[in-house]
Amino acid sequence: MNCYRNRFFLTLYLAECCRFSPTDRYRSPIPHLLMPRQNILVVDDSPTERHFLSELLSSQGYQVSTAENGEAAITLIKNHPPHLIIMDVVMPGQNGFQTTREISRDPSTQHLPIIICSSKNQETDRIWGMRQGAREFMVKPVDPMLLLKKIAILLAHAG
């Protein structure tokens, strides 16, 4: 009898945690309390894009760090390595391709999965990004659900 009662209360608890509201359409169906807090670094020079991606990822229970250029990203990665990186390409100073190459060639960071999200939509850009060490390449504006799916797959393979 106790087993059934505990299962009933757990079911009620999970149902309450997973309730969707119309304004929270990207909320994960898995309760945040049951998910490990994984850190994702968003590297983009656009404050709007950083805010959009940070809000999207935070709503999924991820911890989010941001950097506005490649140099800042490298410093952040060395001090607090993330579980995954979302990288823009066109940025002042060191661009996303150069930063991706530096991260993927460094033995201490080469295990970090990188998703390039860029407005560059040519096939040659995608191929070049993958050759620099990115695991995925997405064209902006990104489909939020597709991005979340790719993140989940990469984190599952990384961990």
C-alpha atoms as a PDB file:
ATOM      1  CA  MET A   1       0.000   0.000   0.000  1.00  0.00           C
ATOM      2  CA  ASN A   2       2.811   2.465   0.850  1.00  0.00           C
ATOM      3  CA  CYS A   3       4.496   1.848  -2.489  1.00  0.00           C
ATOM      4  CA  TYR A   4       1.324   2.798  -4.364  1.00  0.00           C
ATOM      5  CA  ARG A   5       0.787   5.892  -2.194  1.00  0.00           C
ATOM      6  CA  ASN A   6       4.377   7.070  -2.748  1.00  0.00           C
ATOM      7  CA  ARG A   7       4.053   6.510  -6.485  1.00  0.00           C
ATOM      8  CA  PHE A   8       0.797   8.483  -6.459  1.00  0.00           C
ATOM      9  CA  PHE A   9       2.380  11.467  -4.674  1.00  0.00           C
ATOM     10  CA  LEU A  10       5.437  11.354  -6.914  1.00  0.00           C
ATOM     11  CA  THR A  11       3.130  11.363  -9.947  1.00  0.00           C
ATOM     12  CA  LEU A  12       1.254  14.386  -8.570  1.00  0.00           C
ATOM     13  CA  TYR A  13       4.543  16.184  -7.835  1.00  0.00           C
ATOM     14  CA  LEU A  14       5.906  15.518 -11.327  1.00  0.00           C
ATOM     15  CA  ALA A  15       2.635  16.605 -12.914  1.00  0.00           C
ATOM     16  CA  GLU A  16       2.793  19.891 -10.995  1.00  0.00           C
ATOM     17  CA  CYS A  17       6.444  20.501 -11.973  1.00  0.00           C
ATOM     18  CA  CYS A  18       5.772  19.770 -15.626  1.00  0.00           C
ATOM     19  CA  ARG A  19       2.719  21.983 -16.050  1.00  0.00           C
ATOM     20  CA  PHE A  20       3.031  24.194 -19.124  1.00  0.00           C
ATOM     21  CA  SER A  21       1.694  27.675 -19.480  1.00  0.00           C
ATOM     22  CA  PRO A  22       1.119  29.401 -22.848  1.00  0.00           C
ATOM     23  CA  THR A  23       3.882  31.931 -22.168  1.00  0.00           C
ATOM     24  CA  ASP A  24       6.417  29.258 -21.224  1.00  0.00           C
ATOM     25  CA  ARG A  25       6.402  27.239 -24.415  1.00  0.00           C
ATOM     26  CA  TYR A  26      10.061  26.213 -24.258  1.00  0.00           C
ATOM     27  CA  ARG A  27       9.882  24.892 -20.710  1.00  0.00           C
ATOM     28  CA  SER A  28      11.261  21.415 -20.332  1.00  0.00           C
ATOM     29  CA  PRO A  29       8.831  18.606 -19.555  1.00  0.00           C
ATOM     30  CA  ILE A  30      11.418  17.271 -17.108  1.00  0.00           C
ATOM     31  CA  PRO A  31      11.396  18.952 -13.689  1.00  0.00           C
ATOM     32  CA  HIS A  32      14.466  21.115 -13.161  1.00  0.00           C
ATOM     33  CA  LEU A  33      15.032  19.554  -9.748  1.00  0.00           C
ATOM     34  CA  LEU A  34      15.778  16.224 -11.393  1.00  0.00           C
ATOM     35  CA  MET A  35      18.201  17.630 -13.983  1.00  0.00           C
ATOM     36  CA  PRO A  36      21.869  18.379 -13.306  1.00  0.00           C
ATOM     37  CA  ARG A  37      22.715  22.057 -13.746  1.00  0.00           C
ATOM     38  CA  GLN A  38      24.974  22.118 -16.774  1.00  0.00           C
ATOM     39  CA  ASN A  39      26.775  25.281 -17.756  1.00  0.00           C
ATOM     40  CA  ILE A  40      26.480  26.554 -21.323  1.00  0.00           C
ATOM     41  CA  LEU A  41      28.643  29.404 -22.576  1.00  0.00           C
ATOM     42  CA  VAL A  42      27.014  31.734 -25.131  1.00  0.00           C
ATOM     43  CA  VAL A  43      29.553  33.701 -27.183  1.00  0.00           C
ATOM     44  CA  ASP A  44      27.978  36.447 -29.284  1.00  0.00           C
ATOM     45  CA  ASP A  45      28.666  40.159 -29.765  1.00  0.00           C
ATOM     46  CA  SER A  46      24.941  40.945 -30.046  1.00  0.00           C
ATOM     47  CA  PRO A  47      23.353  41.732 -26.652  1.00  0.00           C
ATOM     48  CA  THR A  48      19.938  40.821 -28.087  1.00  0.00           C
ATOM     49  CA  GLU A  49      21.126  37.382 -29.212  1.00  0.00           C
ATOM     50  CA  ARG A  50      22.919  36.740 -25.892  1.00  0.00           C
ATOM     51  CA  HIS A  51      19.740  37.678 -24.011  1.00  0.00           C
ATOM     52  CA  PHE A  52      17.489  35.500 -26.197  1.00  0.00           C
ATOM     53  CA  LEU A  53      19.743  32.441 -25.886  1.00  0.00           C
ATOM     54  CA  SER A  54      20.305  33.001 -22.148  1.00  0.00           C
ATOM     55  CA  GLU A  55      16.560  33.183 -21.499  1.00  0.00           C
ATOM     56  CA  LEU A  56      15.876  30.111 -23.623  1.00  0.00           C
ATOM     57  CA  LEU A  57      18.575  28.038 -21.915  1.00  0.00           C
ATOM     58  CA  SER A  58      17.757  29.264 -18.408  1.00  0.00           C
ATOM     59  CA  SER A  59      14.137  28.244 -18.922  1.00  0.00           C
ATOM     60  CA  GLN A  60      15.428  24.726 -19.529  1.00  0.00           C
ATOM     61  CA  GLY A  61      17.347  24.644 -16.250  1.00  0.00           C
ATOM     62  CA  TYR A  62      20.795  25.300 -17.720  1.00  0.00           C
ATOM     63  CA  GLN A  63      23.241  27.620 -16.045  1.00  0.00           C
ATOM     64  CA  VAL A  64      24.337  30.206 -18.626  1.00  0.00           C
ATOM     65  CA  SER A  65      27.548  32.194 -18.942  1.00  0.00           C
ATOM     66  CA  THR A  66      28.069  34.776 -21.669  1.00  0.00           C
ATOM     67  CA  ALA A  67      30.987  36.371 -23.486  1.00  0.00           C
ATOM     68  CA  GLU A  68      30.811  39.099 -26.105  1.00  0.00           C
ATOM     69  CA  ASN A  69      33.916  38.108 -28.081  1.00  0.00           C
ATOM     70  CA  GLY A  70      36.380  35.286 -28.649  1.00  0.00           C
ATOM     71  CA  GLU A  71      39.069  36.580 -26.307  1.00  0.00           C
ATOM     72  CA  ALA A  72      36.625  36.896 -23.402  1.00  0.00           C
ATOM     73  CA  ALA A  73      35.335  33.400 -24.162  1.00  0.00           C
ATOM     74  CA  ILE A  74      38.817  31.857 -23.997  1.00  0.00           C
ATOM     75  CA  THR A  75      39.461  33.529 -20.631  1.00  0.00           C
ATOM     76  CA  LEU A  76      36.116  32.353 -19.260  1.00  0.00           C
ATOM     77  CA  ILE A  77      36.679  28.795 -20.516  1.00  0.00           C
ATOM     78  CA  LYS A  78      40.078  28.567 -18.826  1.00  0.00           C
ATOM     79  CA  ASN A  79      38.688  29.843 -15.495  1.00  0.00           C
ATOM     80  CA  HIS A  80      35.285  28.069 -15.532  1.00  0.00           C
ATOM     81  CA  PRO A  81      35.021  25.395 -18.241  1.00  0.00           C
ATOM     82  CA  PRO A  82      31.442  25.028 -19.500  1.00  0.00           C
ATOM     83  CA  HIS A  83      29.767  21.788 -20.569  1.00  0.00           C
ATOM     84  CA  LEU A  84      28.932  23.200 -24.030  1.00  0.00           C
ATOM     85  CA  ILE A  85      29.588  26.352 -26.071  1.00  0.00           C
ATOM     86  CA  ILE A  86      27.278  28.208 -28.464  1.00  0.00           C
ATOM     87  CA  MET A  87      29.466  30.337 -30.740  1.00  0.00           C
ATOM     88  CA  ASP A  88      28.696  33.180 -33.135  1.00  0.00           C
ATOM     89  CA  VAL A  89      31.069  33.652 -36.083  1.00  0.00           C
ATOM     90  CA  VAL A  90      31.076  37.352 -36.921  1.00  0.00           C
ATOM     91  CA  MET A  91      32.507  39.170 -33.894  1.00  0.00           C
ATOM     92  CA  PRO A  92      35.067  41.947 -33.415  1.00  0.00           C
ATOM     93  CA  GLY A  93      38.616  40.794 -32.756  1.00  0.00           C
ATOM     94  CA  GLN A  94      38.989  37.025 -32.788  1.00  0.00           C
ATOM     95  CA  ASN A  95      36.087  35.618 -34.819  1.00  0.00           C
ATOM     96  CA  GLY A  96      34.098  32.491 -33.998  1.00  0.00           C
ATOM     97  CA  PHE A  97      36.017  30.275 -36.440  1.00  0.00           C
ATOM     98  CA  GLN A  98      39.355  31.271 -34.879  1.00  0.00           C
ATOM     99  CA  THR A  99      38.003  30.832 -31.342  1.00  0.00           C
ATOM    100  CA  THR A 100      36.509  27.429 -32.191  1.00  0.00           C
ATOM    101  CA  ARG A 101      39.835  26.311 -33.680  1.00  0.00           C
ATOM    102  CA  GLU A 102      41.740  27.485 -30.584  1.00  0.00           C
ATOM    103  CA  ILE A 103      39.356  25.634 -28.231  1.00  0.00           C
ATOM    104  CA  SER A 104      39.336  22.422 -30.270  1.00  0.00           C
ATOM    105  CA  ARG A 105      43.144  22.340 -30.658  1.00  0.00           C
ATOM    106  CA  ASP A 106      43.869  22.839 -26.940  1.00  0.00           C
ATOM    107  CA  PRO A 107      44.136  19.433 -25.208  1.00  0.00           C
ATOM    108  CA  SER A 108      42.508  20.815 -22.043  1.00  0.00           C
ATOM    109  CA  THR A 109      39.403  22.072 -23.893  1.00  0.00           C
ATOM    110  CA  GLN A 110      39.141  19.938 -27.028  1.00  0.00           C
ATOM    111  CA  HIS A 111      36.449  17.758 -25.417  1.00  0.00           C
ATOM    112  CA  LEU A 112      34.018  20.709 -25.188  1.00  0.00           C
ATOM    113  CA  PRO A 113      31.221  20.495 -27.759  1.00  0.00           C
ATOM    114  CA  ILE A 114      30.717  23.667 -29.799  1.00  0.00           C
ATOM    115  CA  ILE A 115      27.600  24.669 -31.714  1.00  0.00           C
ATOM    116  CA  ILE A 116      28.172  27.484 -34.173  1.00  0.00           C
ATOM    117  CA  CYS A 117      25.103  29.708 -34.604  1.00  0.00           C
ATOM    118  CA  SER A 118      25.759  32.203 -37.352  1.00  0.00           C
ATOM    119  CA  SER A 119      24.060  34.388 -39.907  1.00  0.00           C
ATOM    120  CA  LYS A 120      26.544  32.989 -42.443  1.00  0.00           C
ATOM    121  CA  ASN A 121      24.372  30.579 -44.400  1.00  0.00           C
ATOM    122  CA  GLN A 122      26.648  29.240 -47.116  1.00  0.00           C
ATOM    123  CA  GLU A 123      27.536  25.544 -47.235  1.00  0.00           C
ATOM    124  CA  THR A 124      31.226  26.501 -47.322  1.00  0.00           C
ATOM    125  CA  ASP A 125      30.773  28.313 -43.981  1.00  0.00           C
ATOM    126  CA  ARG A 126      29.188  25.206 -42.445  1.00  0.00           C
ATOM    127  CA  ILE A 127      31.976  22.971 -43.730  1.00  0.00           C
ATOM    128  CA  TRP A 128      34.653  25.416 -42.543  1.00  0.00           C
ATOM    129  CA  GLY A 129      33.063  25.640 -39.089  1.00  0.00           C
ATOM    130  CA  MET A 130      32.967  21.859 -38.765  1.00  0.00           C
ATOM    131  CA  ARG A 131      36.605  21.637 -39.885  1.00  0.00           C
ATOM    132  CA  GLN A 132      37.555  24.096 -37.130  1.00  0.00           C
ATOM    133  CA  GLY A 133      36.103  21.733 -34.522  1.00  0.00           C
ATOM    134  CA  ALA A 134      32.412  22.617 -34.194  1.00  0.00           C
ATOM    135  CA  ARG A 135      30.076  19.659 -33.653  1.00  0.00           C
ATOM    136  CA  GLU A 136      27.016  21.455 -35.085  1.00  0.00           C
ATOM    137  CA  PHE A 137      26.367  24.473 -37.304  1.00  0.00           C
ATOM    138  CA  MET A 138      23.050  26.348 -37.232  1.00  0.00           C
ATOM    139  CA  VAL A 139      21.982  29.373 -39.250  1.00  0.00           C
ATOM    140  CA  LYS A 140      20.358  32.347 -37.496  1.00  0.00           C
ATOM    141  CA  PRO A 141      17.638  32.875 -36.676  1.00  0.00           C
ATOM    142  CA  VAL A 142      17.834  29.513 -34.936  1.00  0.00           C
ATOM    143  CA  ASP A 143      14.818  27.315 -34.325  1.00  0.00           C
ATOM    144  CA  PRO A 144      14.727  27.178 -30.486  1.00  0.00           C
ATOM    145  CA  MET A 145      13.381  23.626 -30.315  1.00  0.00           C
ATOM    146  CA  LEU A 146      15.980  22.340 -32.796  1.00  0.00           C
ATOM    147  CA  LEU A 147      18.755  24.080 -30.853  1.00  0.00           C
ATOM    148  CA  LEU A 148      17.560  22.533 -27.576  1.00  0.00           C
ATOM    149  CA  LYS A 149      17.432  19.114 -29.216  1.00  0.00           C
ATOM    150  CA  LYS A 150      20.995  19.445 -30.523  1.00  0.00           C
ATOM    151  CA  ILE A 151      22.200  20.627 -27.113  1.00  0.00           C
ATOM    152  CA  ALA A 152      20.581  17.647 -25.391  1.00  0.00           C
ATOM    153  CA  ILE A 153      22.156  15.217 -27.864  1.00  0.00           C
ATOM    154  CA  LEU A 154      25.625  16.740 -27.544  1.00  0.00           C
ATOM    155  CA  LEU A 155      25.482  16.842 -23.741  1.00  0.00           C
ATOM    156  CA  ALA A 156      24.290  13.236 -23.626  1.00  0.00           C
ATOM    157  CA  HIS A 157      27.242  12.145 -25.777  1.00  0.00           C
ATOM    158  CA  ALA A 158      29.701  14.318 -23.846  1.00  0.00           C
ATOM    159  CA  GLY A 159      28.661  12.992 -20.441  1.00  0.00           C
END
